[in-house]
């Protein structure tokens, strides 16, 4: 149960990071001043980090399914 909750918490944090990265990208594109390349790199890193966290959450959920099904298959023998 804790592993499932952890996977969903990681997914939500990844989604929040992704949304803030997109929001930052929109803010930088609408800026009236010259935007430094480092600011754009931070936004790309934030979006990439969010996608990576969502991927880790999905991998954790898949691992939980595999372990549960393997345990049930071994118990049926």
PDB file of N, CA and C in Angstrom:
ATOM      1  N   UNK A   1       0.828  -1.196   0.000  1.00  0.00           N
ATOM      2  CA  UNK A   1       0.000   0.000   0.000  1.00  0.00           C
ATOM      3  C   UNK A   1       0.871   1.259   0.000  1.00  0.00           C
ATOM      4  N   UNK A   2       1.941   1.232   0.790  1.00  0.00           N
ATOM      5  CA  UNK A   2       2.805   2.408   0.843  1.00  0.00           C
ATOM      6  C   UNK A   2       3.492   2.669  -0.494  1.00  0.00           C
ATOM      7  N   UNK A   3       3.831   1.599  -1.191  1.00  0.00           N
ATOM      8  CA  UNK A   3       4.506   1.754  -2.479  1.00  0.00           C
ATOM      9  C   UNK A   3       3.581   2.402  -3.503  1.00  0.00           C
ATOM     10  N   UNK A   4       2.306   2.037  -3.467  1.00  0.00           N
ATOM     11  CA  UNK A   4       1.341   2.637  -4.387  1.00  0.00           C
ATOM     12  C   UNK A   4       1.176   4.118  -4.097  1.00  0.00           C
ATOM     13  N   UNK A   5       1.080   4.460  -2.818  1.00  0.00           N
ATOM     14  CA  UNK A   5       0.959   5.870  -2.438  1.00  0.00           C
ATOM     15  C   UNK A   5       2.203   6.637  -2.850  1.00  0.00           C
ATOM     16  N   UNK A   6       3.376   6.033  -2.650  1.00  0.00           N
ATOM     17  CA  UNK A   6       4.619   6.680  -3.049  1.00  0.00           C
ATOM     18  C   UNK A   6       4.665   6.918  -4.555  1.00  0.00           C
ATOM     19  N   UNK A   7       4.209   5.956  -5.334  1.00  0.00           N
ATOM     20  CA  UNK A   7       4.196   6.122  -6.791  1.00  0.00           C
ATOM     21  C   UNK A   7       3.280   7.274  -7.198  1.00  0.00           C
ATOM     22  N   UNK A   8       2.121   7.373  -6.567  1.00  0.00           N
ATOM     23  CA  UNK A   8       1.213   8.466  -6.910  1.00  0.00           C
ATOM     24  C   UNK A   8       1.743   9.820  -6.441  1.00  0.00           C
ATOM     25  N   UNK A   9       2.403   9.867  -5.307  1.00  0.00           N
ATOM     26  CA  UNK A   9       2.994  11.127  -4.841  1.00  0.00           C
ATOM     27  C   UNK A   9       4.099  11.570  -5.796  1.00  0.00           C
ATOM     28  N   UNK A  10       4.933  10.638  -6.233  1.00  0.00           N
ATOM     29  CA  UNK A  10       5.991  10.978  -7.190  1.00  0.00           C
ATOM     30  C   UNK A  10       5.382  11.461  -8.498  1.00  0.00           C
ATOM     31  N   UNK A  11       4.309  10.825  -8.945  1.00  0.00           N
ATOM     32  CA  UNK A  11       3.655  11.245 -10.188  1.00  0.00           C
ATOM     33  C   UNK A  11       3.068  12.643 -10.069  1.00  0.00           C
ATOM     34  N   UNK A  12       2.467  12.949  -8.929  1.00  0.00           N
ATOM     35  CA  UNK A  12       1.876  14.285  -8.733  1.00  0.00           C
ATOM     36  C   UNK A  12       2.976  15.343  -8.689  1.00  0.00           C
ATOM     37  N   UNK A  13       4.064  15.059  -7.995  1.00  0.00           N
ATOM     38  CA  UNK A  13       5.175  16.015  -7.946  1.00  0.00           C
ATOM     39  C   UNK A  13       5.763  16.217  -9.346  1.00  0.00           C
ATOM     40  N   UNK A  14       5.883  15.136 -10.112  1.00  0.00           N
ATOM     41  CA  UNK A  14       6.365  15.259 -11.489  1.00  0.00           C
ATOM     42  C   UNK A  14       5.437  16.096 -12.353  1.00  0.00           C
ATOM     43  N   UNK A  15       4.135  15.919 -12.162  1.00  0.00           N
ATOM     44  CA  UNK A  15       3.163  16.712 -12.921  1.00  0.00           C
ATOM     45  C   UNK A  15       3.242  18.187 -12.535  1.00  0.00           C
ATOM     46  N   UNK A  16       3.420  18.462 -11.255  1.00  0.00           N
ATOM     47  CA  UNK A  16       3.559  19.857 -10.813  1.00  0.00           C
ATOM     48  C   UNK A  16       4.819  20.480 -11.400  1.00  0.00           C
ATOM     49  N   UNK A  17       5.931  19.725 -11.406  1.00  0.00           N
ATOM     50  CA  UNK A  17       7.158  20.238 -12.003  1.00  0.00           C
ATOM     51  C   UNK A  17       6.975  20.505 -13.491  1.00  0.00           C
ATOM     52  N   UNK A  18       6.289  19.613 -14.169  1.00  0.00           N
ATOM     53  CA  UNK A  18       6.027  19.779 -15.598  1.00  0.00           C
ATOM     54  C   UNK A  18       5.188  21.024 -15.848  1.00  0.00           C
ATOM     55  N   UNK A  19       4.156  21.222 -15.050  1.00  0.00           N
ATOM     56  CA  UNK A  19       3.281  22.385 -15.225  1.00  0.00           C
ATOM     57  C   UNK A  19       4.025  23.690 -14.948  1.00  0.00           C
ATOM     58  N   UNK A  20       4.860  23.712 -13.901  1.00  0.00           N
ATOM     59  CA  UNK A  20       5.635  24.924 -13.628  1.00  0.00           C
ATOM     60  C   UNK A  20       6.673  25.177 -14.707  1.00  0.00           C
ATOM     61  N   UNK A  21       7.217  24.124 -15.300  1.00  0.00           N
ATOM     62  CA  UNK A  21       8.145  24.305 -16.407  1.00  0.00           C
ATOM     63  C   UNK A  21       7.472  24.904 -17.629  1.00  0.00           C
ATOM     64  N   UNK A  22       6.266  24.424 -17.936  1.00  0.00           N
ATOM     65  CA  UNK A  22       5.504  24.983 -19.065  1.00  0.00           C
ATOM     66  C   UNK A  22       5.112  26.430 -18.775  1.00  0.00           C
ATOM     67  N   UNK A  23       4.720  26.681 -17.525  1.00  0.00           N
ATOM     68  CA  UNK A  23       4.362  28.054 -17.143  1.00  0.00           C
ATOM     69  C   UNK A  23       5.572  28.977 -17.284  1.00  0.00           C
ATOM     70  N   UNK A  24       6.742  28.516 -16.838  1.00  0.00           N
ATOM     71  CA  UNK A  24       7.956  29.312 -16.971  1.00  0.00           C
ATOM     72  C   UNK A  24       8.321  29.555 -18.422  1.00  0.00           C
ATOM     73  N   UNK A  25       8.111  28.551 -19.282  1.00  0.00           N
ATOM     74  CA  UNK A  25       8.383  28.715 -20.705  1.00  0.00           C
ATOM     75  C   UNK A  25       7.467  29.779 -21.305  1.00  0.00           C
ATOM     76  N   UNK A  26       6.203  29.777 -20.912  1.00  0.00           N
ATOM     77  CA  UNK A  26       5.254  30.778 -21.410  1.00  0.00           C
ATOM     78  C   UNK A  26       5.645  32.172 -20.928  1.00  0.00           C
ATOM     79  N   UNK A  27       6.046  32.271 -19.669  1.00  0.00           N
ATOM     80  CA  UNK A  27       6.465  33.568 -19.123  1.00  0.00           C
ATOM     81  C   UNK A  27       7.699  34.083 -19.851  1.00  0.00           C
ATOM     82  N   UNK A  28       8.660  33.212 -20.120  1.00  0.00           N
ATOM     83  CA  UNK A  28       9.870  33.642 -20.819  1.00  0.00           C
ATOM     84  C   UNK A  28       9.575  34.056 -22.253  1.00  0.00           C
ATOM     85  N   UNK A  29       8.639  33.394 -22.906  1.00  0.00           N
ATOM     86  CA  UNK A  29       8.305  33.774 -24.278  1.00  0.00           C
ATOM     87  C   UNK A  29       7.558  35.099 -24.343  1.00  0.00           C
ATOM     88  N   UNK A  30       6.828  35.429 -23.296  1.00  0.00           N
ATOM     89  CA  UNK A  30       6.076  36.688 -23.283  1.00  0.00           C
ATOM     90  C   UNK A  30       6.862  37.840 -22.670  1.00  0.00           C
ATOM     91  N   UNK A  31       8.095  37.608 -22.287  1.00  0.00           N
ATOM     92  CA  UNK A  31       8.907  38.646 -21.643  1.00  0.00           C
ATOM     93  C   UNK A  31       9.283  39.727 -22.646  1.00  0.00           C
ATOM     94  N   UNK A  32       9.240  40.947 -22.179  1.00  0.00           N
ATOM     95  CA  UNK A  32       9.575  42.091 -23.026  1.00  0.00           C
ATOM     96  C   UNK A  32      11.082  42.349 -23.063  1.00  0.00           C
ATOM     97  N   UNK A  33      11.818  41.743 -22.138  1.00  0.00           N
ATOM     98  CA  UNK A  33      13.254  41.978 -22.064  1.00  0.00           C
ATOM     99  C   UNK A  33      13.993  40.800 -22.698  1.00  0.00           C
ATOM    100  N   UNK A  34      15.300  40.979 -22.854  1.00  0.00           N
ATOM    101  CA  UNK A  34      16.124  39.909 -23.406  1.00  0.00           C
ATOM    102  C   UNK A  34      16.296  38.811 -22.358  1.00  0.00           C
ATOM    103  N   UNK A  35      16.005  37.585 -22.740  1.00  0.00           N
ATOM    104  CA  UNK A  35      16.063  36.460 -21.817  1.00  0.00           C
ATOM    105  C   UNK A  35      17.380  35.719 -22.024  1.00  0.00           C
ATOM    106  N   UNK A  36      18.063  35.456 -20.911  1.00  0.00           N
ATOM    107  CA  UNK A  36      19.342  34.750 -20.984  1.00  0.00           C
ATOM    108  C   UNK A  36      19.110  33.276 -21.311  1.00  0.00           C
ATOM    109  N   UNK A  37      20.123  32.681 -21.899  1.00  0.00           N
ATOM    110  CA  UNK A  37      20.042  31.270 -22.259  1.00  0.00           C
ATOM    111  C   UNK A  37      19.961  30.388 -21.012  1.00  0.00           C
ATOM    112  N   UNK A  38      20.561  30.831 -19.917  1.00  0.00           N
ATOM    113  CA  UNK A  38      20.510  30.046 -18.681  1.00  0.00           C
ATOM    114  C   UNK A  38      19.083  29.955 -18.137  1.00  0.00           C
ATOM    115  N   UNK A  39      18.293  31.005 -18.335  1.00  0.00           N
ATOM    116  CA  UNK A  39      16.898  30.962 -17.895  1.00  0.00           C
ATOM    117  C   UNK A  39      16.111  29.923 -18.694  1.00  0.00           C
ATOM    118  N   UNK A  40      16.365  29.874 -19.981  1.00  0.00           N
ATOM    119  CA  UNK A  40      15.687  28.870 -20.810  1.00  0.00           C
ATOM    120  C   UNK A  40      16.169  27.468 -20.467  1.00  0.00           C
ATOM    121  N   UNK A  41      17.430  27.319 -20.116  1.00  0.00           N
ATOM    122  CA  UNK A  41      17.959  26.013 -19.731  1.00  0.00           C
ATOM    123  C   UNK A  41      17.324  25.530 -18.433  1.00  0.00           C
ATOM    124  N   UNK A  42      17.064  26.437 -17.510  1.00  0.00           N
ATOM    125  CA  UNK A  42      16.402  26.072 -16.261  1.00  0.00           C
ATOM    126  C   UNK A  42      14.993  25.561 -16.540  1.00  0.00           C
ATOM    127  N   UNK A  43      14.290  26.217 -17.452  1.00  0.00           N
ATOM    128  CA  UNK A  43      12.930  25.799 -17.789  1.00  0.00           C
ATOM    129  C   UNK A  43      12.947  24.418 -18.454  1.00  0.00           C
ATOM    130  N   UNK A  44      13.877  24.202 -19.366  1.00  0.00           N
ATOM    131  CA  UNK A  44      13.975  22.902 -20.028  1.00  0.00           C
ATOM    132  C   UNK A  44      14.334  21.823 -19.015  1.00  0.00           C
ATOM    133  N   UNK A  45      15.207  22.140 -18.075  1.00  0.00           N
ATOM    134  CA  UNK A  45      15.557  21.192 -17.022  1.00  0.00           C
ATOM    135  C   UNK A  45      14.391  20.863 -16.122  1.00  0.00           C
ATOM    136  N   UNK A  46      13.567  21.857 -15.838  1.00  0.00           N
ATOM    137  CA  UNK A  46      12.380  21.635 -15.011  1.00  0.00           C
ATOM    138  C   UNK A  46      11.377  20.737 -15.727  1.00  0.00           C
ATOM    139  N   UNK A  47      11.182  20.963 -17.006  1.00  0.00           N
ATOM    140  CA  UNK A  47      10.273  20.111 -17.779  1.00  0.00           C
ATOM    141  C   UNK A  47      10.831  18.690 -17.860  1.00  0.00           C
ATOM    142  N   UNK A  48      12.117  18.562 -18.124  1.00  0.00           N
ATOM    143  CA  UNK A  48      12.743  17.243 -18.196  1.00  0.00           C
ATOM    144  C   UNK A  48      12.694  16.513 -16.858  1.00  0.00           C
ATOM    145  N   UNK A  49      12.904  17.235 -15.777  1.00  0.00           N
ATOM    146  CA  UNK A  49      12.819  16.627 -14.453  1.00  0.00           C
ATOM    147  C   UNK A  49      11.420  16.138 -14.139  1.00  0.00           C
ATOM    148  N   UNK A  50      10.422  16.904 -14.549  1.00  0.00           N
ATOM    149  CA  UNK A  50       9.042  16.480 -14.349  1.00  0.00           C
ATOM    150  C   UNK A  50       8.708  15.221 -15.125  1.00  0.00           C
ATOM    151  N   UNK A  51       9.160  15.171 -16.367  1.00  0.00           N
ATOM    152  CA  UNK A  51       8.925  13.965 -17.172  1.00  0.00           C
ATOM    153  C   UNK A  51       9.657  12.759 -16.593  1.00  0.00           C
ATOM    154  N   UNK A  52      10.856  12.994 -16.086  1.00  0.00           N
ATOM    155  CA  UNK A  52      11.616  11.894 -15.490  1.00  0.00           C
ATOM    156  C   UNK A  52      10.928  11.371 -14.230  1.00  0.00           C
ATOM    157  N   UNK A  53      10.386  12.267 -13.419  1.00  0.00           N
ATOM    158  CA  UNK A  53       9.699  11.828 -12.206  1.00  0.00           C
ATOM    159  C   UNK A  53       8.425  11.060 -12.533  1.00  0.00           C
ATOM    160  N   UNK A  54       7.723  11.478 -13.566  1.00  0.00           N
ATOM    161  CA  UNK A  54       6.536  10.733 -13.992  1.00  0.00           C
ATOM    162  C   UNK A  54       6.948   9.343 -14.480  1.00  0.00           C
ATOM    163  N   UNK A  55       8.061   9.258 -15.200  1.00  0.00           N
ATOM    164  CA  UNK A  55       8.568   7.963 -15.655  1.00  0.00           C
ATOM    165  C   UNK A  55       8.975   7.067 -14.499  1.00  0.00           C
ATOM    166  N   UNK A  56       9.600   7.618 -13.471  1.00  0.00           N
ATOM    167  CA  UNK A  56       9.982   6.833 -12.294  1.00  0.00           C
ATOM    168  C   UNK A  56       8.736   6.322 -11.581  1.00  0.00           C
ATOM    169  N   UNK A  57       7.717   7.154 -11.489  1.00  0.00           N
ATOM    170  CA  UNK A  57       6.477   6.726 -10.840  1.00  0.00           C
ATOM    171  C   UNK A  57       5.820   5.585 -11.615  1.00  0.00           C
ATOM    172  N   UNK A  58       5.826   5.673 -12.922  1.00  0.00           N
ATOM    173  CA  UNK A  58       5.245   4.601 -13.724  1.00  0.00           C
ATOM    174  C   UNK A  58       6.056   3.311 -13.586  1.00  0.00           C
ATOM    175  N   UNK A  59       7.379   3.428 -13.540  1.00  0.00           N
ATOM    176  CA  UNK A  59       8.225   2.247 -13.358  1.00  0.00           C
ATOM    177  C   UNK A  59       7.980   1.610 -11.995  1.00  0.00           C
ATOM    178  N   UNK A  60       7.791   2.420 -10.975  1.00  0.00           N
ATOM    179  CA  UNK A  60       7.505   1.898  -9.648  1.00  0.00           C
ATOM    180  C   UNK A  60       6.160   1.183  -9.610  1.00  0.00           C
ATOM    181  N   UNK A  61       5.174   1.753 -10.276  1.00  0.00           N
ATOM    182  CA  UNK A  61       3.866   1.091 -10.339  1.00  0.00           C
ATOM    183  C   UNK A  61       3.948  -0.225 -11.104  1.00  0.00           C
ATOM    184  N   UNK A  62       4.707  -0.256 -12.198  1.00  0.00           N
ATOM    185  CA  UNK A  62       4.881  -1.489 -12.964  1.00  0.00           C
ATOM    186  C   UNK A  62       5.622  -2.545 -12.150  1.00  0.00           C
ATOM    187  N   UNK A  63       6.648  -2.133 -11.423  1.00  0.00           N
ATOM    188  CA  UNK A  63       7.377  -3.058 -10.564  1.00  0.00           C
ATOM    189  C   UNK A  63       6.464  -3.634  -9.493  1.00  0.00           C
ATOM    190  N   UNK A  64       5.596  -2.818  -8.948  1.00  0.00           N
ATOM    191  CA  UNK A  64       4.651  -3.299  -7.937  1.00  0.00           C
ATOM    192  C   UNK A  64       3.705  -4.336  -8.527  1.00  0.00           C
ATOM    193  N   UNK A  65       3.240  -4.126  -9.746  1.00  0.00           N
ATOM    194  CA  UNK A  65       2.353  -5.091 -10.402  1.00  0.00           C
ATOM    195  C   UNK A  65       3.089  -6.398 -10.679  1.00  0.00           C
ATOM    196  N   UNK A  66       4.331  -6.309 -11.153  1.00  0.00           N
ATOM    197  CA  UNK A  66       5.105  -7.514 -11.458  1.00  0.00           C
ATOM    198  C   UNK A  66       5.376  -8.318 -10.185  1.00  0.00           C
ATOM    199  N   UNK A  67       5.761  -7.647  -9.126  1.00  0.00           N
ATOM    200  CA  UNK A  67       6.051  -8.348  -7.875  1.00  0.00           C
ATOM    201  C   UNK A  67       4.795  -8.987  -7.315  1.00  0.00           C
ATOM    202  N   UNK A  68       3.668  -8.286  -7.376  1.00  0.00           N
ATOM    203  CA  UNK A  68       2.416  -8.837  -6.864  1.00  0.00           C
ATOM    204  C   UNK A  68       1.988 -10.057  -7.675  1.00  0.00           C
ATOM    205  N   UNK A  69       2.058  -9.969  -8.994  1.00  0.00           N
ATOM    206  CA  UNK A  69       1.654 -11.105  -9.835  1.00  0.00           C
ATOM    207  C   UNK A  69       2.617 -12.280  -9.697  1.00  0.00           C
ATOM    208  N   UNK A  70       3.895 -12.007  -9.533  1.00  0.00           N
ATOM    209  CA  UNK A  70       4.865 -13.083  -9.344  1.00  0.00           C
ATOM    210  C   UNK A  70       4.623 -13.787  -8.016  1.00  0.00           C
ATOM    211  N   UNK A  71       4.329 -13.009  -6.996  1.00  0.00           N
ATOM    212  CA  UNK A  71       4.056 -13.598  -5.685  1.00  0.00           C
ATOM    213  C   UNK A  71       2.809 -14.477  -5.739  1.00  0.00           C
ATOM    214  N   UNK A  72       1.780 -14.028  -6.438  1.00  0.00           N
ATOM    215  CA  UNK A  72       0.559 -14.836  -6.559  1.00  0.00           C
ATOM    216  C   UNK A  72       0.800 -16.102  -7.382  1.00  0.00           C
ATOM    217  N   UNK A  73       1.629 -16.008  -8.421  1.00  0.00           N
ATOM    218  CA  UNK A  73       1.910 -17.185  -9.249  1.00  0.00           C
ATOM    219  C   UNK A  73       2.720 -18.218  -8.474  1.00  0.00           C
ATOM    220  N   UNK A  74       3.666 -17.758  -7.661  1.00  0.00           N
ATOM    221  CA  UNK A  74       4.455 -18.686  -6.865  1.00  0.00           C
ATOM    222  C   UNK A  74       3.643 -19.311  -5.749  1.00  0.00           C
ATOM    223  N   UNK A  75       2.677 -18.581  -5.226  1.00  0.00           N
ATOM    224  CA  UNK A  75       1.837 -19.101  -4.159  1.00  0.00           C
ATOM    225  C   UNK A  75       0.855 -20.144  -4.692  1.00  0.00           C
ATOM    226  N   UNK A  76       0.499 -20.072  -5.977  1.00  0.00           N
ATOM    227  CA  UNK A  76      -0.462 -21.016  -6.567  1.00  0.00           C
ATOM    228  C   UNK A  76       0.186 -22.362  -6.864  1.00  0.00           C
ATOM    229  N   UNK A  77       1.498 -22.430  -6.912  1.00  0.00           N
ATOM    230  CA  UNK A  77       2.200 -23.691  -7.218  1.00  0.00           C
ATOM    231  C   UNK A  77       2.032 -24.634  -6.141  1.00  0.00           C
TER     232      UNK A  77
END
